[in-house]
N, C-alpha and C. Protein backbone atom coordinates (compact mmCIF):
# COMPACT_ATOMS: atom_id res chain seq x y z
N MET A 1 196.79 33.34 -24.76
CA MET A 1 197.04 32.46 -25.91
C MET A 1 196.13 31.17 -25.78
N ARG A 2 196.41 30.61 -24.61
CA ARG A 2 195.63 29.34 -24.48
C ARG A 2 194.12 29.50 -24.46
N PHE A 3 193.72 30.46 -23.76
CA PHE A 3 192.36 30.88 -23.61
C PHE A 3 191.81 31.11 -25.10
N SER A 4 192.51 31.95 -25.75
CA SER A 4 191.93 32.34 -27.19
C SER A 4 191.88 30.87 -28.02
N LEU A 5 192.90 30.10 -27.85
CA LEU A 5 192.75 28.92 -28.63
C LEU A 5 191.59 28.00 -28.31
N LEU A 6 191.44 27.91 -26.96
CA LEU A 6 190.20 27.30 -26.37
C LEU A 6 188.91 27.71 -26.89
N ILE A 7 188.77 29.03 -26.75
CA ILE A 7 187.45 29.73 -27.28
C ILE A 7 187.40 29.33 -28.88
N ALA A 8 188.38 29.45 -29.61
CA ALA A 8 188.33 29.21 -31.12
C ALA A 8 187.93 27.71 -31.39
N LEU A 9 188.42 26.79 -30.60
CA LEU A 9 188.17 25.45 -30.73
C LEU A 9 186.57 25.19 -30.32
N CYS A 10 186.18 25.82 -29.21
CA CYS A 10 184.81 25.83 -28.83
C CYS A 10 183.78 26.23 -29.94
N CYS A 11 184.18 27.23 -30.55
CA CYS A 11 183.30 27.96 -31.70
C CYS A 11 183.42 27.07 -32.87
N LEU A 12 184.46 26.51 -33.16
CA LEU A 12 184.63 25.53 -34.36
C LEU A 12 183.74 24.31 -34.01
N HIS A 13 183.81 23.70 -32.91
CA HIS A 13 182.99 22.61 -32.53
C HIS A 13 181.56 23.00 -32.50
N SER A 14 181.06 24.13 -32.25
CA SER A 14 179.69 24.58 -32.17
C SER A 14 179.27 24.65 -33.67
N LEU A 15 180.09 25.18 -34.65
CA LEU A 15 179.76 25.22 -36.00
C LEU A 15 179.51 23.75 -36.60
N LEU A 16 180.45 22.97 -36.25
CA LEU A 16 180.49 21.73 -36.83
C LEU A 16 179.42 20.77 -36.45
N CYS A 17 179.06 21.10 -35.09
CA CYS A 17 177.89 20.32 -34.57
C CYS A 17 176.41 20.99 -34.65
N ALA A 18 176.39 22.11 -35.44
CA ALA A 18 175.16 22.76 -35.51
C ALA A 18 174.20 21.86 -36.14
N ALA A 19 172.95 22.03 -35.75
CA ALA A 19 171.86 21.15 -36.22
C ALA A 19 171.68 21.21 -37.67
N ASP A 20 171.48 20.19 -38.29
CA ASP A 20 171.17 20.22 -39.88
C ASP A 20 169.80 20.94 -40.03
N PRO A 21 169.73 21.95 -41.03
CA PRO A 21 168.49 22.77 -41.26
C PRO A 21 167.36 21.94 -41.68
N VAL A 22 167.60 20.76 -42.09
CA VAL A 22 166.45 19.84 -42.46
C VAL A 22 165.73 19.24 -41.33
N ILE A 23 166.30 19.32 -40.09
CA ILE A 23 165.65 18.64 -38.85
C ILE A 23 164.29 19.32 -38.66
N GLY A 24 163.30 18.58 -38.48
CA GLY A 24 162.00 19.12 -38.11
C GLY A 24 161.01 18.33 -39.04
N LYS A 25 159.66 18.91 -39.12
CA LYS A 25 158.47 18.37 -39.70
C LYS A 25 158.33 19.18 -41.00
N TRP A 26 158.15 18.68 -42.12
CA TRP A 26 157.91 19.29 -43.29
C TRP A 26 156.61 18.75 -43.97
N LYS A 27 155.71 19.67 -44.41
CA LYS A 27 154.50 19.30 -45.25
C LYS A 27 154.65 19.65 -46.57
N LEU A 28 154.23 18.68 -47.49
CA LEU A 28 154.19 19.03 -48.97
C LEU A 28 153.12 20.00 -49.22
N ASN A 29 153.52 20.89 -50.09
CA ASN A 29 152.57 21.81 -50.76
C ASN A 29 152.31 21.37 -52.07
N VAL A 30 151.41 20.65 -52.32
CA VAL A 30 150.94 19.96 -53.59
C VAL A 30 150.83 21.09 -54.69
N ALA A 31 150.18 22.18 -54.29
CA ALA A 31 149.95 23.22 -55.40
C ALA A 31 151.25 23.84 -55.92
N LYS A 32 152.31 23.81 -55.20
CA LYS A 32 153.57 24.34 -55.62
C LYS A 32 154.46 23.31 -56.26
N SER A 33 154.00 22.12 -56.24
CA SER A 33 154.90 20.97 -56.68
C SER A 33 154.42 20.39 -58.01
N THR A 34 155.33 19.72 -58.68
CA THR A 34 155.03 19.10 -60.03
C THR A 34 155.42 17.65 -60.09
N TYR A 35 154.49 16.87 -60.60
CA TYR A 35 154.70 15.35 -60.71
C TYR A 35 154.64 14.96 -62.16
N THR A 36 155.50 14.51 -62.78
CA THR A 36 155.43 14.03 -64.26
C THR A 36 156.03 12.56 -64.16
N PRO A 37 155.26 11.55 -64.68
CA PRO A 37 153.89 11.80 -65.26
C PRO A 37 152.68 11.97 -64.20
N GLY A 38 152.84 11.89 -62.97
CA GLY A 38 151.83 11.93 -62.06
C GLY A 38 151.13 10.68 -61.71
N PRO A 39 150.16 10.59 -60.90
CA PRO A 39 149.63 11.82 -60.28
C PRO A 39 150.33 12.16 -59.11
N ALA A 40 150.08 13.36 -58.52
CA ALA A 40 150.69 13.84 -57.37
C ALA A 40 150.04 13.11 -56.16
N PRO A 41 150.77 13.02 -55.02
CA PRO A 41 150.07 12.48 -53.85
C PRO A 41 149.02 13.42 -53.35
N LYS A 42 148.00 12.94 -52.48
CA LYS A 42 147.07 13.97 -51.79
C LYS A 42 147.83 14.61 -50.83
N SER A 43 148.76 13.96 -50.01
CA SER A 43 149.55 14.57 -49.04
C SER A 43 150.73 13.81 -48.77
N GLN A 44 151.68 14.60 -48.20
CA GLN A 44 152.95 13.96 -47.60
C GLN A 44 153.55 14.72 -46.52
N THR A 45 154.04 14.13 -45.58
CA THR A 45 154.82 14.73 -44.40
C THR A 45 156.14 13.86 -44.36
N ARG A 46 157.07 14.83 -44.11
CA ARG A 46 158.51 14.23 -43.84
C ARG A 46 159.01 14.72 -42.61
N ILE A 47 159.42 13.78 -41.65
CA ILE A 47 159.78 14.13 -40.39
C ILE A 47 161.44 13.76 -40.36
N TYR A 48 162.15 14.68 -39.96
CA TYR A 48 163.66 14.27 -39.90
C TYR A 48 163.97 14.69 -38.44
N GLU A 49 164.46 13.58 -37.76
CA GLU A 49 164.64 13.62 -36.25
C GLU A 49 165.91 13.05 -35.84
N GLU A 50 166.61 13.67 -35.00
CA GLU A 50 167.80 13.23 -34.47
C GLU A 50 167.60 12.00 -33.46
N HIS A 51 168.43 10.96 -33.63
CA HIS A 51 168.33 9.80 -32.66
C HIS A 51 169.67 9.36 -32.51
N SER A 52 169.97 8.28 -31.74
CA SER A 52 171.26 7.79 -31.33
C SER A 52 172.23 7.55 -32.52
N GLY A 53 171.78 7.17 -33.61
CA GLY A 53 172.52 6.82 -34.71
C GLY A 53 172.85 7.91 -35.72
N GLY A 54 172.20 9.11 -35.51
CA GLY A 54 172.23 10.31 -36.35
C GLY A 54 170.92 10.82 -36.53
N ILE A 55 170.38 10.83 -37.89
CA ILE A 55 169.32 11.49 -38.25
C ILE A 55 168.32 10.37 -38.91
N ARG A 56 167.12 10.17 -38.43
CA ARG A 56 166.02 9.34 -39.07
C ARG A 56 165.05 10.09 -39.91
N VAL A 57 164.72 9.54 -41.03
CA VAL A 57 163.83 10.26 -41.95
C VAL A 57 162.67 9.24 -41.98
N THR A 58 161.33 9.75 -41.72
CA THR A 58 160.02 9.13 -41.88
C THR A 58 159.18 9.91 -42.86
N ILE A 59 158.72 9.33 -43.87
CA ILE A 59 157.95 10.00 -45.02
C ILE A 59 156.61 9.21 -44.91
N LYS A 60 155.54 10.05 -44.60
CA LYS A 60 154.17 9.58 -44.59
C LYS A 60 153.45 10.20 -45.67
N THR A 61 152.89 9.28 -46.63
CA THR A 61 152.28 9.71 -47.81
C THR A 61 150.96 9.19 -47.83
N VAL A 62 149.93 10.02 -48.40
CA VAL A 62 148.65 9.53 -48.80
C VAL A 62 148.68 9.77 -50.21
N HIS A 63 148.62 8.59 -51.00
CA HIS A 63 148.74 8.76 -52.48
C HIS A 63 147.30 9.06 -53.12
N ALA A 64 147.44 9.41 -54.29
CA ALA A 64 146.22 9.89 -55.14
C ALA A 64 145.09 8.91 -54.98
N ASP A 65 145.38 7.56 -54.81
CA ASP A 65 144.35 6.63 -54.73
C ASP A 65 143.79 6.48 -53.34
N GLY A 66 144.28 7.08 -52.50
CA GLY A 66 143.87 7.06 -51.11
C GLY A 66 144.68 6.14 -50.12
N GLN A 67 145.58 5.36 -50.73
CA GLN A 67 146.23 4.42 -50.05
C GLN A 67 147.48 5.26 -49.34
N SER A 68 147.87 4.78 -48.01
CA SER A 68 148.83 5.29 -47.29
C SER A 68 150.04 4.48 -47.28
N ARG A 69 151.22 5.14 -47.10
CA ARG A 69 152.50 4.47 -47.08
C ARG A 69 153.45 5.35 -46.02
N SER A 70 154.29 4.51 -45.34
CA SER A 70 155.32 5.16 -44.37
C SER A 70 156.44 4.57 -44.81
N VAL A 71 157.54 5.36 -45.09
CA VAL A 71 158.81 4.98 -45.45
C VAL A 71 159.84 5.47 -44.66
N GLN A 72 160.87 4.81 -44.19
CA GLN A 72 161.98 5.30 -43.25
C GLN A 72 163.28 4.87 -43.78
N HIS A 73 164.32 5.82 -43.46
CA HIS A 73 165.66 5.50 -43.66
C HIS A 73 166.48 6.33 -42.82
N PRO A 74 167.66 6.09 -42.62
CA PRO A 74 168.77 6.83 -41.81
C PRO A 74 169.19 7.94 -42.84
N LEU A 75 169.62 9.10 -42.35
CA LEU A 75 170.06 10.25 -43.14
C LEU A 75 171.59 10.31 -42.70
N ASN A 76 172.39 9.74 -43.37
CA ASN A 76 173.82 9.62 -43.30
C ASN A 76 174.61 10.19 -44.59
N TYR A 77 175.24 11.31 -44.46
CA TYR A 77 175.86 11.88 -45.66
C TYR A 77 177.25 11.35 -45.94
N ASP A 78 177.29 10.09 -45.92
CA ASP A 78 178.66 9.31 -46.00
C ASP A 78 178.91 8.73 -47.47
N GLY A 79 177.69 8.82 -48.30
CA GLY A 79 177.90 8.39 -49.65
C GLY A 79 177.72 6.74 -49.72
N ARG A 80 177.51 6.25 -48.58
CA ARG A 80 177.34 4.72 -48.57
C ARG A 80 175.86 4.34 -48.61
N GLU A 81 175.49 3.17 -49.21
CA GLU A 81 174.14 2.76 -49.05
C GLU A 81 173.51 2.35 -47.76
N HIS A 82 172.47 2.89 -47.36
CA HIS A 82 171.72 2.52 -46.30
C HIS A 82 170.29 1.99 -46.51
N PRO A 83 169.75 1.09 -45.76
CA PRO A 83 168.46 0.50 -46.10
C PRO A 83 167.39 1.49 -45.99
N VAL A 84 166.44 1.33 -47.01
CA VAL A 84 165.10 2.00 -47.01
C VAL A 84 163.98 0.96 -46.62
N THR A 85 163.14 1.34 -45.70
CA THR A 85 162.13 0.48 -45.33
C THR A 85 160.78 1.05 -45.73
N GLY A 86 159.72 0.14 -46.12
CA GLY A 86 158.46 0.53 -46.46
C GLY A 86 158.14 1.09 -47.87
N SER A 87 159.26 1.18 -48.73
CA SER A 87 159.11 1.62 -50.01
C SER A 87 159.00 0.55 -51.09
N SER A 88 158.17 0.73 -52.11
CA SER A 88 157.96 -0.35 -53.15
C SER A 88 159.01 0.00 -54.41
N THR A 89 159.55 1.14 -54.31
CA THR A 89 160.45 1.66 -55.40
C THR A 89 161.89 1.62 -55.09
N ALA A 90 162.24 1.62 -53.78
CA ALA A 90 163.70 1.77 -53.42
C ALA A 90 163.99 1.00 -52.06
N ASP A 91 165.03 0.29 -52.13
CA ASP A 91 165.34 -0.46 -50.90
C ASP A 91 166.74 0.07 -50.24
N ALA A 92 167.41 0.95 -50.91
CA ALA A 92 168.70 1.54 -50.43
C ALA A 92 168.74 2.92 -50.91
N ILE A 93 169.50 3.68 -50.12
CA ILE A 93 169.72 5.10 -50.38
C ILE A 93 171.19 5.47 -49.96
N ALA A 94 171.87 6.33 -50.74
CA ALA A 94 173.21 6.78 -50.48
C ALA A 94 173.21 8.32 -50.59
N LEU A 95 173.44 8.95 -49.70
CA LEU A 95 173.49 10.35 -49.57
C LEU A 95 174.83 11.11 -49.44
N GLU A 96 174.89 12.31 -50.01
CA GLU A 96 176.03 13.17 -49.89
C GLU A 96 175.62 14.58 -49.73
N LYS A 97 176.31 15.25 -48.65
CA LYS A 97 176.06 16.64 -48.54
C LYS A 97 176.86 17.45 -49.40
N ILE A 98 176.16 18.34 -50.09
CA ILE A 98 176.89 19.27 -51.14
C ILE A 98 177.41 20.66 -50.39
N ASP A 99 176.44 21.15 -49.54
CA ASP A 99 176.82 22.16 -48.68
C ASP A 99 175.70 22.32 -47.51
N GLU A 100 175.76 23.28 -46.62
CA GLU A 100 174.90 23.38 -45.44
C GLU A 100 173.44 22.98 -45.74
N TYR A 101 172.97 23.49 -47.08
CA TYR A 101 171.56 23.44 -47.29
C TYR A 101 171.18 22.38 -48.48
N THR A 102 172.15 21.72 -48.94
CA THR A 102 171.92 21.07 -50.10
C THR A 102 172.55 19.65 -50.03
N SER A 103 171.75 18.61 -50.36
CA SER A 103 172.18 17.27 -50.49
C SER A 103 171.77 16.60 -51.68
N GLU A 104 172.37 15.52 -52.17
CA GLU A 104 172.10 14.68 -53.17
C GLU A 104 171.97 13.20 -52.69
N ALA A 105 170.96 12.45 -53.39
CA ALA A 105 170.77 11.08 -53.04
C ALA A 105 170.74 10.27 -54.26
N VAL A 106 171.18 8.97 -54.14
CA VAL A 106 170.99 7.91 -55.30
C VAL A 106 170.19 6.91 -54.43
N LEU A 107 169.04 6.58 -55.21
CA LEU A 107 168.09 5.50 -54.76
C LEU A 107 168.26 4.33 -55.59
N LYS A 108 168.25 3.16 -54.85
CA LYS A 108 168.46 1.93 -55.63
C LYS A 108 167.39 0.91 -55.20
N HIS A 109 167.12 -0.02 -56.11
CA HIS A 109 166.20 -1.19 -55.84
C HIS A 109 166.87 -2.54 -56.40
N ALA A 110 167.08 -3.43 -55.55
CA ALA A 110 167.78 -4.60 -56.16
C ALA A 110 169.14 -4.31 -56.71
N SER A 111 169.95 -3.37 -56.04
CA SER A 111 171.36 -2.87 -56.46
C SER A 111 171.23 -2.19 -57.89
N ILE A 112 170.09 -1.81 -58.31
CA ILE A 112 169.97 -0.94 -59.73
C ILE A 112 169.59 0.50 -59.23
N VAL A 113 170.18 1.41 -59.88
CA VAL A 113 169.85 2.85 -59.59
C VAL A 113 168.40 3.11 -60.15
N VAL A 114 167.44 3.47 -59.42
CA VAL A 114 166.10 3.89 -59.93
C VAL A 114 165.94 5.35 -59.97
N GLY A 115 166.78 6.10 -59.36
CA GLY A 115 166.45 7.55 -59.24
C GLY A 115 167.60 8.37 -58.51
N THR A 116 167.57 9.62 -58.73
CA THR A 116 168.39 10.40 -57.98
C THR A 116 167.56 11.69 -57.47
N ASN A 117 167.85 12.22 -56.39
CA ASN A 117 167.26 13.50 -55.99
C ASN A 117 168.23 14.41 -55.26
N ARG A 118 167.63 15.67 -55.53
CA ARG A 118 168.68 16.79 -54.83
C ARG A 118 167.72 17.55 -53.94
N ARG A 119 168.09 17.65 -52.72
CA ARG A 119 167.15 18.36 -51.74
C ARG A 119 167.91 19.71 -51.37
N VAL A 120 167.11 20.69 -51.31
CA VAL A 120 167.68 22.18 -51.05
C VAL A 120 166.73 22.81 -49.97
N VAL A 121 167.27 23.02 -48.79
CA VAL A 121 166.45 23.86 -47.81
C VAL A 121 167.00 25.34 -47.90
N SER A 122 165.89 26.11 -48.00
CA SER A 122 166.05 27.49 -48.24
C SER A 122 166.81 28.22 -47.11
N LYS A 123 167.67 29.17 -47.28
CA LYS A 123 168.52 29.91 -46.29
C LYS A 123 167.75 30.14 -45.02
N ASP A 124 166.43 30.66 -45.26
CA ASP A 124 165.61 31.03 -44.15
C ASP A 124 165.10 29.78 -43.42
N GLY A 125 165.25 28.58 -43.90
CA GLY A 125 164.78 27.33 -43.25
C GLY A 125 163.44 27.08 -43.32
N LYS A 126 162.55 27.92 -44.15
CA LYS A 126 160.99 27.75 -44.20
C LYS A 126 160.55 26.87 -45.32
N THR A 127 161.35 26.73 -46.32
CA THR A 127 160.90 25.90 -47.45
C THR A 127 162.18 24.73 -47.82
N MET A 128 161.76 23.63 -48.36
CA MET A 128 162.67 22.65 -48.84
C MET A 128 161.90 22.17 -50.18
N THR A 129 163.05 21.93 -51.19
CA THR A 129 162.59 21.58 -52.38
C THR A 129 163.30 20.28 -52.68
N ILE A 130 162.73 19.25 -53.21
CA ILE A 130 163.33 17.99 -53.60
C ILE A 130 163.01 17.76 -55.07
N THR A 131 164.02 17.72 -55.81
CA THR A 131 163.76 17.43 -57.23
C THR A 131 164.36 15.87 -57.40
N TYR A 132 163.29 15.24 -58.13
CA TYR A 132 163.63 13.73 -58.31
C TYR A 132 163.51 13.52 -59.71
N GLN A 133 164.50 12.57 -60.21
CA GLN A 133 164.61 12.14 -61.54
C GLN A 133 164.94 10.63 -61.52
N GLY A 134 164.09 9.84 -62.13
CA GLY A 134 164.25 8.38 -62.16
C GLY A 134 163.24 7.82 -63.11
N THR A 135 162.99 6.46 -62.72
CA THR A 135 162.00 5.72 -63.43
C THR A 135 160.99 5.01 -62.44
N ASP A 136 159.77 4.93 -62.95
CA ASP A 136 158.76 4.22 -62.08
C ASP A 136 158.85 2.81 -62.24
N GLN A 137 157.95 1.99 -61.62
CA GLN A 137 157.96 0.51 -61.57
C GLN A 137 157.84 -0.07 -63.02
N ARG A 138 157.07 0.78 -63.87
CA ARG A 138 156.95 0.28 -65.28
C ARG A 138 158.13 0.58 -66.14
N GLY A 139 159.06 1.37 -65.65
CA GLY A 139 160.30 1.91 -66.44
C GLY A 139 160.01 3.12 -67.12
N ARG A 140 158.89 3.78 -66.85
CA ARG A 140 158.70 5.09 -67.36
C ARG A 140 159.50 6.22 -66.63
N PRO A 141 160.06 7.24 -67.49
CA PRO A 141 160.72 8.25 -66.79
C PRO A 141 159.91 9.08 -65.97
N VAL A 142 160.42 9.54 -64.88
CA VAL A 142 159.79 10.26 -63.75
C VAL A 142 160.62 11.53 -63.42
N LYS A 143 159.84 12.61 -63.36
CA LYS A 143 160.56 13.94 -62.97
C LYS A 143 159.60 14.67 -61.98
N ASN A 144 160.04 14.81 -60.80
CA ASN A 144 159.17 15.41 -59.80
C ASN A 144 159.89 16.48 -59.14
N MET A 145 159.16 17.72 -58.91
CA MET A 145 159.71 18.71 -58.05
C MET A 145 158.71 18.96 -56.75
N ALA A 146 159.11 18.44 -55.62
CA ALA A 146 158.19 18.48 -54.48
C ALA A 146 158.64 19.74 -53.64
N VAL A 147 157.73 20.70 -53.26
CA VAL A 147 158.01 21.83 -52.36
C VAL A 147 157.40 21.61 -51.03
N TYR A 148 158.18 21.68 -49.97
CA TYR A 148 157.70 21.50 -48.64
C TYR A 148 157.69 22.75 -47.85
N GLU A 149 156.90 22.98 -46.74
CA GLU A 149 156.86 24.02 -45.91
C GLU A 149 157.18 23.38 -44.52
N LYS A 150 158.07 24.07 -43.77
CA LYS A 150 158.27 23.64 -42.42
C LYS A 150 157.15 23.98 -41.48
N GLN A 151 156.92 23.06 -40.62
CA GLN A 151 155.84 23.01 -39.77
C GLN A 151 156.14 23.51 -38.32
């Protein structure tokens, strides 16, 4: 009986501690993505990596005008605001996990919500889609659907 309970607890611990399917390097497939009003970036790579405080996200973008930007933030699914560095549009992000493959985020700048996104990793772990709705720096509505492939 004790042995069975110990095995059950170990299995449960393994399931709870399983790696987030988002961990890894993801490359934007510009052809499969849509950016309204646009323009789409030339390229973007998202790197999700485990570190001592949890998961850290680094987003490296080459914009349509050729300018590069690197944005970082922690990936904590606690619904609390965490700092975003390197972004001109958001300085805080609050994430919540919906299920094993899906999360939602609220992005803020100066305590004002500037957008929301929904991230879905495919069940096979090969693609990730991020749907973003918000406003740009001029206050215009933005609706983007970015499709990424795992590298």
